[in-house]
Amino acid sequence: MAAVAIAASELDVPASAACGPLAGLRVLDLTRLLPGPMATLHLADQGAEVIKIEDTGLGDYARTFGPGAAEANAEGSDSPFFRMLNRNKKSLRLDLKQSAGVQAFLRLAETADVIFESFRPGVVDRLGIGYDAVRAINPRIVYCAITSYGQTGPWAHYAGHDLNFIAMAGLLDQIGTQGSAPAIPGFQIGDLLGGSLTSLVGVLTAVIGAKATGQGCYVDVSMADALLAHSVLPLASVANKDNLPPRGEGDMTGAAPGYGVYRTADERYLAIGAIESKFWRRLCHALNLPALADLALTTADEALHAREALAEAIKAQPLAHWEATLVPLDCCVTPVLRLDEAVQHPQFVARQATLPIDNIIQGAPPFKLSHWPSQVMQPARSAGADSDSILQSIGYA
């Protein structure tokens, strides 16, 4: 089905709901850096009221982190990294180490549906703003804690970053070519899959439950756990007599000739994902390698022969040639694009996958709802920009 842009005025929904399907959901966000802010960004983009709560000192140090941060800070702005993650949110500053700040937070928590936090286990309880303290005044609260290794277990109190999570979950060991050291991906799989998306599934599940029963719950998200739980094919290999192939030697990691990356004449790369026989045959005939089309590829020698033949054929022409020749054949072949090329590619442009917001290119909401057009209501706010109005709304003069 083709994507269609529908104006809010054309929708058969109440006017009060025209700002998004999550309008009316109040979220308090105590998280910093990437996993939690990305999760609450998705909620904010769909109409939830997200109140980002920062301390009265440094606050979320994402404001000074990442590419372009120094230049932006010198101009009195926050880093592009921070601005991408915190659009459509309100900003409140509280000193949660002082009783006045704790009382203000708890009064606000009485009105909230969801709380996100990403401190180490036990920190929010010591501050007096943990799940038990909030549940006592708001039993329908959904309270989500995103941590490295969860609230329990011998590693519960250890710190970590994305690289640590993918290393612990057995994922990093699988990334790289045969005989190489593990390769560090340029995409934060643990933070985004393990933290952001997993917490969203847990929170929205709990919100639906709370609406049905009046009882909220505690959502314990371990980023390392989530990676292990999603390692479906590797776990299947382990279940098969502990037969996980070495790095770069699995069918999905470099051994299969129809699923790999090949160098072109201009030192670029072509990604081939011709797993199914119909795509493999189509590819082989297009490369004038008909003998490979019917090869069973059941032995390592056959696979090696096929990989070498494909590599020889593909390195004879530049990337643009293969993009023009093979992509229209629909045989699961794509160019390996640089990120600057990707954002300008006609497919992503047509889908509005990125949007110019706040003078920087930002990722758009990653899904499109037919009757709920996405809205960017405001860029990221300066620290504490909404403190007065938020505190006044809960009775502080």
Protein backbone atom coordinates (compact mmCIF):
# COMPACT_ATOMS: atom_id res chain seq x y z
CA MET A 1 0.00 0.00 0.00
CA ALA A 2 1.42 3.39 -0.96
CA ALA A 3 2.03 5.87 1.81
CA VAL A 4 -0.38 8.79 1.80
CA ALA A 5 -0.11 12.14 3.50
CA ILE A 6 -3.40 13.00 5.20
CA ALA A 7 -4.11 16.39 6.72
CA ALA A 8 -5.37 16.40 10.30
CA SER A 9 -8.52 18.20 9.16
CA GLU A 10 -9.39 15.22 6.94
CA LEU A 11 -9.20 12.64 9.73
CA ASP A 12 -12.22 11.01 11.26
CA VAL A 13 -10.84 11.43 14.79
CA PRO A 14 -11.74 13.81 17.61
CA ALA A 15 -10.16 17.25 17.31
CA SER A 16 -8.53 16.79 20.72
CA ALA A 17 -6.67 13.74 19.39
CA ALA A 18 -5.35 15.39 16.24
CA CYS A 19 -1.92 15.91 17.78
CA GLY A 20 -1.19 12.19 17.85
CA PRO A 21 -2.44 8.79 18.98
CA LEU A 22 -0.60 9.08 22.32
CA ALA A 23 -2.08 12.48 23.22
CA GLY A 24 -3.00 12.50 26.90
CA LEU A 25 -0.14 10.20 27.92
CA ARG A 26 2.16 11.99 30.36
CA VAL A 27 5.75 10.71 30.53
CA LEU A 28 8.46 11.80 32.96
CA ASP A 29 11.91 11.20 31.51
CA LEU A 30 14.89 11.03 33.88
CA THR A 31 17.20 9.39 31.34
CA ARG A 32 20.28 10.76 29.61
CA LEU A 33 22.40 10.15 26.51
CA LEU A 34 20.87 7.70 23.98
CA PRO A 35 18.68 4.70 24.98
CA GLY A 36 16.07 6.42 27.16
CA PRO A 37 15.87 9.68 25.21
CA MET A 38 15.36 7.76 21.95
CA ALA A 39 12.54 5.77 23.54
CA THR A 40 10.78 8.88 24.82
CA LEU A 41 11.39 10.65 21.50
CA HIS A 42 9.24 8.03 19.78
CA LEU A 43 6.49 8.64 22.34
CA ALA A 44 6.76 12.42 21.99
CA ASP A 45 6.62 12.23 18.20
CA GLN A 46 3.29 10.40 18.51
CA GLY A 47 1.72 13.01 20.76
CA ALA A 48 2.69 11.99 24.30
CA GLU A 49 3.57 14.81 26.68
CA VAL A 50 7.18 14.05 27.56
CA ILE A 51 8.75 16.08 30.35
CA LYS A 52 12.52 15.76 30.34
CA ILE A 53 13.82 16.21 33.87
CA GLU A 54 17.43 17.27 34.35
CA ASP A 55 19.42 18.18 37.44
CA THR A 56 20.32 21.77 38.18
CA GLY A 57 24.02 21.19 37.50
CA LEU A 58 25.37 19.60 34.34
CA GLY A 59 22.05 18.04 33.35
CA ASP A 60 22.01 15.70 30.38
CA TYR A 61 25.62 15.80 29.18
CA ALA A 62 24.37 14.84 25.72
CA ARG A 63 23.97 18.61 25.34
CA THR A 64 27.76 18.82 25.01
CA PHE A 65 28.43 15.45 23.37
CA GLY A 66 28.95 14.20 19.83
CA PRO A 67 29.89 15.58 16.40
CA GLY A 68 29.45 19.33 16.11
CA ALA A 69 28.96 19.79 19.85
CA ALA A 70 31.84 22.23 20.38
CA GLU A 71 30.73 24.46 17.52
CA ALA A 72 27.08 24.40 18.61
CA ASN A 73 27.96 25.08 22.25
CA ALA A 74 30.17 28.00 21.21
CA GLU A 75 27.15 29.50 19.46
CA GLY A 76 24.97 29.03 22.54
CA SER A 77 23.16 25.95 21.24
CA ASP A 78 23.05 22.31 22.26
CA SER A 79 24.80 19.55 20.34
CA PRO A 80 23.13 18.12 17.21
CA PHE A 81 23.07 14.75 19.01
CA PHE A 82 20.99 16.19 21.85
CA ARG A 83 18.68 18.13 19.55
CA MET A 84 17.92 15.04 17.46
CA LEU A 85 16.84 13.07 20.53
CA ASN A 86 14.84 15.67 22.41
CA ARG A 87 12.48 17.43 20.02
CA ASN A 88 8.82 17.61 21.02
CA LYS A 89 9.69 17.41 24.73
CA LYS A 90 9.31 19.85 27.59
CA SER A 91 12.26 20.62 29.85
CA LEU A 92 12.20 20.79 33.65
CA ARG A 93 15.14 21.18 36.02
CA LEU A 94 14.93 19.74 39.55
CA ASP A 95 17.51 19.15 42.26
CA LEU A 96 16.56 15.62 43.30
CA LYS A 97 19.20 15.63 46.05
CA GLN A 98 17.12 18.19 47.93
CA SER A 99 13.80 17.45 49.62
CA ALA A 100 12.07 20.26 47.74
CA GLY A 101 13.07 18.72 44.42
CA VAL A 102 11.93 15.27 45.53
CA GLN A 103 8.56 16.62 46.66
CA ALA A 104 8.07 18.44 43.37
CA PHE A 105 8.91 15.27 41.45
CA LEU A 106 6.48 13.17 43.49
CA ARG A 107 3.71 15.71 43.02
CA LEU A 108 4.34 15.59 39.27
CA ALA A 109 4.50 11.79 39.37
CA GLU A 110 0.96 11.71 40.78
CA THR A 111 -0.21 13.08 37.40
CA ALA A 112 2.01 10.86 35.22
CA ASP A 113 1.33 7.66 33.32
CA VAL A 114 4.94 6.60 32.70
CA ILE A 115 8.36 7.24 34.23
CA PHE A 116 11.66 6.36 32.53
CA GLU A 117 14.96 6.26 34.44
CA SER A 118 18.43 4.94 33.63
CA PHE A 119 20.38 5.25 36.85
CA ARG A 120 22.21 2.29 38.32
CA PRO A 121 20.01 -0.04 40.41
CA GLY A 122 19.09 1.47 43.77
CA VAL A 123 19.83 5.12 42.97
CA VAL A 124 16.22 6.29 42.56
CA ASP A 125 15.23 4.48 45.77
CA ARG A 126 17.97 6.27 47.71
CA LEU A 127 16.74 9.56 46.26
CA GLY A 128 13.20 8.77 47.41
CA ILE A 129 11.68 8.70 43.90
CA GLY A 130 11.76 4.95 43.18
CA TYR A 131 8.93 2.73 42.03
CA ASP A 132 7.61 1.97 45.53
CA ALA A 133 7.50 5.66 46.46
CA VAL A 134 5.63 6.57 43.29
CA ARG A 135 3.30 3.56 43.34
CA ALA A 136 2.18 4.53 46.84
CA ILE A 137 0.70 7.76 45.45
CA ASN A 138 -0.09 6.61 41.90
CA PRO A 139 -0.85 2.87 41.62
CA ARG A 140 -1.38 3.05 37.85
CA ILE A 141 2.17 4.27 37.15
CA VAL A 142 4.30 2.38 34.64
CA TYR A 143 7.87 2.76 35.87
CA CYS A 144 10.62 1.75 33.43
CA ALA A 145 14.27 1.29 34.42
CA ILE A 146 16.80 0.90 31.59
CA THR A 147 20.15 -0.46 32.77
CA SER A 148 23.16 -2.29 31.42
CA TYR A 149 22.46 -5.68 32.99
CA GLY A 150 19.12 -5.36 34.77
CA GLN A 151 18.10 -5.00 38.42
CA THR A 152 19.26 -8.46 39.51
CA GLY A 153 22.21 -10.80 39.00
CA PRO A 154 25.93 -10.55 39.82
CA TRP A 155 26.53 -7.83 37.20
CA ALA A 156 23.51 -5.67 38.10
CA HIS A 157 25.57 -2.80 39.54
CA TYR A 158 28.17 -2.67 36.77
CA ALA A 159 28.30 0.22 34.34
CA GLY A 160 28.54 -0.37 30.61
CA HIS A 161 28.16 1.05 27.13
CA ASP A 162 26.95 -0.36 23.84
CA LEU A 163 30.21 -2.15 23.06
CA ASN A 164 30.08 -3.93 26.43
CA PHE A 165 26.51 -5.13 25.91
CA ILE A 166 27.11 -6.59 22.47
CA ALA A 167 30.32 -8.19 23.74
CA MET A 168 28.60 -9.82 26.73
CA ALA A 169 25.63 -11.05 24.67
CA GLY A 170 27.86 -12.92 22.20
CA LEU A 171 27.07 -10.56 19.35
CA LEU A 172 30.41 -8.78 18.95
CA ASP A 173 32.20 -12.12 18.59
CA GLN A 174 30.21 -12.79 15.41
CA ILE A 175 30.92 -9.47 13.66
CA GLY A 176 33.90 -9.38 11.31
CA THR A 177 35.56 -11.34 8.54
CA GLN A 178 37.16 -14.74 8.79
CA GLY A 179 40.36 -14.61 10.82
CA SER A 180 39.89 -10.97 11.85
CA ALA A 181 39.37 -9.39 15.25
CA PRO A 182 35.75 -8.55 16.15
CA ALA A 183 34.63 -5.42 14.25
CA ILE A 184 33.01 -2.56 16.16
CA PRO A 185 29.73 -1.60 14.44
CA GLY A 186 29.07 2.09 13.83
CA PHE A 187 25.48 1.66 15.00
CA GLN A 188 24.58 1.36 18.68
CA ILE A 189 22.73 -1.96 18.55
CA GLY A 190 22.68 -2.48 22.31
CA ASP A 191 21.51 1.03 23.12
CA LEU A 192 18.83 1.19 20.43
CA LEU A 193 17.52 -2.38 20.14
CA GLY A 194 18.37 -3.44 23.68
CA GLY A 195 17.44 -0.18 25.38
CA SER A 196 15.17 2.07 23.33
CA LEU A 197 12.97 -0.36 21.41
CA THR A 198 12.79 -3.02 24.12
CA SER A 199 11.73 -0.45 26.70
CA LEU A 200 9.05 0.86 24.35
CA VAL A 201 7.58 -2.62 23.94
CA GLY A 202 7.61 -3.13 27.69
CA VAL A 203 6.17 0.28 28.51
CA LEU A 204 3.37 0.25 25.95
CA THR A 205 2.46 -3.30 27.00
CA ALA A 206 2.26 -2.12 30.61
CA VAL A 207 0.30 1.02 29.70
CA ILE A 208 -2.37 -1.08 27.98
CA GLY A 209 -2.49 -3.32 31.05
CA ALA A 210 -2.78 -0.32 33.37
CA LYS A 211 -5.66 1.11 31.36
CA ALA A 212 -7.47 -2.23 31.60
CA THR A 213 -6.82 -2.95 35.29
CA GLY A 214 -5.92 0.35 36.92
CA GLN A 215 -2.64 -1.17 38.06
CA GLY A 216 0.69 -0.16 36.63
CA CYS A 217 3.92 -2.12 36.96
CA TYR A 218 7.70 -1.97 37.04
CA VAL A 219 9.46 -2.53 33.69
CA ASP A 220 12.99 -3.87 34.21
CA VAL A 221 14.99 -3.54 30.95
CA SER A 222 18.48 -5.01 30.66
CA MET A 223 20.13 -4.00 27.41
CA ALA A 224 22.37 -7.08 27.50
CA ASP A 225 19.37 -9.38 28.12
CA ALA A 226 17.49 -7.89 25.18
CA LEU A 227 20.37 -8.52 22.79
CA LEU A 228 20.65 -12.14 23.87
CA ALA A 229 16.88 -12.62 23.54
CA HIS A 230 16.96 -11.31 19.96
CA SER A 231 19.91 -13.45 18.83
CA VAL A 232 17.58 -15.90 17.11
CA LEU A 233 19.79 -17.48 14.43
CA PRO A 234 22.91 -17.67 16.61
CA LEU A 235 20.90 -19.26 19.42
CA ALA A 236 19.51 -21.77 16.93
CA SER A 237 23.10 -22.67 16.02
CA VAL A 238 24.03 -23.10 19.69
CA ALA A 239 20.98 -25.30 20.19
CA ASN A 240 22.25 -27.45 17.31
CA LYS A 241 24.94 -29.23 19.34
CA ASP A 242 26.76 -25.98 20.14
CA ASN A 243 27.60 -25.64 16.45
CA LEU A 244 27.99 -21.84 16.14
CA PRO A 245 30.34 -21.17 13.20
CA PRO A 246 33.51 -19.14 13.83
CA ARG A 247 33.48 -15.43 12.98
CA GLY A 248 32.96 -14.86 9.26
CA GLU A 249 32.19 -18.52 8.55
CA GLY A 250 28.43 -18.67 9.05
CA ASP A 251 25.93 -18.54 6.19
CA MET A 252 24.84 -15.08 7.34
CA THR A 253 28.32 -13.82 8.21
CA GLY A 254 30.34 -14.46 5.07
CA ALA A 255 30.42 -18.14 4.16
CA ALA A 256 27.45 -18.14 1.77
CA PRO A 257 28.36 -16.58 -1.61
CA GLY A 258 24.83 -15.25 -2.04
CA TYR A 259 24.98 -13.26 1.19
CA GLY A 260 28.01 -11.03 1.32
CA VAL A 261 29.80 -7.85 0.40
CA TYR A 262 31.88 -7.57 -2.79
CA ARG A 263 34.41 -4.96 -3.90
CA THR A 264 33.77 -3.09 -7.18
CA ALA A 265 36.23 -1.65 -9.72
CA ASP A 266 36.14 1.80 -8.10
CA GLU A 267 36.91 0.49 -4.59
CA ARG A 268 33.29 0.70 -3.50
CA TYR A 269 31.18 -2.24 -2.31
CA LEU A 270 28.07 -4.11 -3.39
CA ALA A 271 25.85 -5.92 -0.88
CA ILE A 272 24.31 -9.16 -2.12
CA GLY A 273 21.50 -10.83 -0.20
CA ALA A 274 20.36 -13.39 -2.77
CA ILE A 275 19.45 -16.11 -0.28
CA GLU A 276 16.46 -17.62 -2.09
CA SER A 277 17.18 -19.71 -5.18
CA LYS A 278 15.11 -17.49 -7.49
CA PHE A 279 17.24 -14.45 -6.59
CA TRP A 280 20.49 -16.41 -6.74
CA ARG A 281 19.68 -17.78 -10.20
CA ARG A 282 18.67 -14.34 -11.47
CA LEU A 283 21.92 -12.86 -10.16
CA CYS A 284 24.11 -15.58 -11.65
CA HIS A 285 22.57 -15.23 -15.10
CA ALA A 286 22.92 -11.43 -14.94
CA LEU A 287 26.63 -11.83 -14.15
CA ASN A 288 27.02 -14.33 -16.99
CA LEU A 289 27.77 -17.12 -14.52
CA PRO A 290 25.09 -19.66 -15.46
CA ALA A 291 27.13 -22.58 -14.13
CA LEU A 292 26.75 -21.20 -10.61
CA ALA A 293 22.98 -20.88 -10.86
CA ASP A 294 22.35 -24.58 -10.35
CA LEU A 295 25.29 -25.27 -8.06
CA ALA A 296 24.10 -26.92 -4.86
CA LEU A 297 26.64 -25.02 -2.73
CA THR A 298 26.49 -27.78 -0.14
CA THR A 299 30.24 -27.96 0.47
CA ALA A 300 32.80 -25.40 1.58
CA ASP A 301 34.73 -25.88 -1.66
CA GLU A 302 31.65 -25.13 -3.79
CA ALA A 303 30.87 -22.03 -1.73
CA LEU A 304 34.45 -20.81 -2.00
CA HIS A 305 34.48 -21.35 -5.77
CA ALA A 306 31.21 -19.42 -6.13
CA ARG A 307 32.43 -16.54 -3.93
CA GLU A 308 35.62 -16.22 -5.93
CA ALA A 309 33.71 -16.24 -9.23
CA LEU A 310 31.32 -13.54 -7.99
CA ALA A 311 34.19 -11.45 -6.67
CA GLU A 312 36.02 -11.65 -10.00
CA ALA A 313 32.93 -10.62 -11.95
CA ILE A 314 31.92 -7.76 -9.67
CA LYS A 315 35.36 -6.16 -9.42
CA ALA A 316 35.34 -5.67 -13.20
CA GLN A 317 32.86 -2.77 -13.08
CA PRO A 318 32.28 0.29 -10.87
CA LEU A 319 29.47 0.51 -8.33
CA ALA A 320 27.29 2.73 -10.53
CA HIS A 321 27.31 0.09 -13.26
CA TRP A 322 26.09 -2.63 -10.91
CA GLU A 323 23.50 -0.36 -9.35
CA ALA A 324 22.07 0.40 -12.80
CA THR A 325 22.33 -3.21 -13.98
CA LEU A 326 21.43 -5.41 -11.02
CA VAL A 327 19.10 -3.37 -8.82
CA PRO A 328 16.29 -3.26 -11.46
CA LEU A 329 16.45 -7.07 -11.72
CA ASP A 330 15.12 -7.34 -8.16
CA CYS A 331 17.64 -9.93 -7.00
CA CYS A 332 18.39 -8.46 -3.57
CA VAL A 333 21.43 -6.42 -4.59
CA THR A 334 22.11 -2.96 -3.18
CA PRO A 335 24.98 -0.48 -3.20
CA VAL A 336 26.85 0.00 0.07
CA LEU A 337 26.09 3.68 0.53
CA ARG A 338 27.81 6.24 2.69
CA LEU A 339 25.45 7.91 5.12
CA ASP A 340 25.56 11.21 3.22
CA GLU A 341 24.51 9.30 0.10
CA ALA A 342 21.76 7.44 1.94
CA VAL A 343 19.96 10.58 3.13
CA GLN A 344 19.84 11.82 -0.47
CA HIS A 345 18.78 8.52 -2.04
CA PRO A 346 15.46 8.80 -3.94
CA GLN A 347 13.92 5.98 -1.90
CA PHE A 348 14.55 7.67 1.44
CA VAL A 349 13.63 11.08 0.02
CA ALA A 350 10.31 9.70 -1.24
CA ARG A 351 9.61 8.21 2.19
CA GLN A 352 10.70 11.37 4.04
CA ALA A 353 12.91 9.15 6.19
CA THR A 354 14.86 12.19 7.32
CA LEU A 355 13.62 15.71 7.89
CA PRO A 356 15.36 19.10 8.23
CA ILE A 357 14.43 20.16 11.76
CA ASP A 358 16.12 22.84 13.86
CA ASN A 359 18.67 23.42 11.06
CA ILE A 360 19.94 19.82 11.12
CA ILE A 361 18.98 16.64 9.30
CA GLN A 362 17.11 14.40 11.75
CA GLY A 363 15.60 10.95 11.51
CA ALA A 364 11.85 11.05 10.97
CA PRO A 365 9.51 8.77 12.95
CA PRO A 366 10.42 5.27 11.71
CA PHE A 367 6.87 4.22 10.87
CA LYS A 368 3.91 5.90 9.19
CA LEU A 369 0.37 5.70 10.56
CA SER A 370 -2.29 6.18 7.91
CA HIS A 371 -4.62 8.29 10.05
CA TRP A 372 -2.07 9.98 12.29
CA PRO A 373 0.31 12.25 10.40
CA SER A 374 3.53 12.83 12.31
CA GLN A 375 4.10 16.31 13.64
CA VAL A 376 7.22 18.06 14.83
CA MET A 377 5.76 20.65 17.15
CA GLN A 378 8.93 22.10 18.58
CA PRO A 379 12.71 21.65 18.51
CA ALA A 380 14.61 20.54 21.61
CA ARG A 381 14.23 22.97 24.49
CA SER A 382 16.98 24.62 26.48
CA ALA A 383 17.51 23.21 29.97
CA GLY A 384 14.65 24.23 32.25
CA ALA A 385 12.78 26.19 29.59
CA ASP A 386 9.41 24.88 30.82
CA SER A 387 10.16 24.68 34.55
CA ASP A 388 7.93 27.58 35.57
CA SER A 389 4.85 26.48 33.62
CA ILE A 390 5.18 22.83 34.68
CA LEU A 391 5.62 23.67 38.36
CA GLN A 392 2.72 26.13 38.24
CA SER A 393 0.53 23.39 36.76
CA ILE A 394 1.04 21.26 39.88
CA GLY A 395 0.41 24.06 42.35
CA TYR A 396 3.73 25.80 42.79
CA ALA A 397 3.43 29.59 42.61
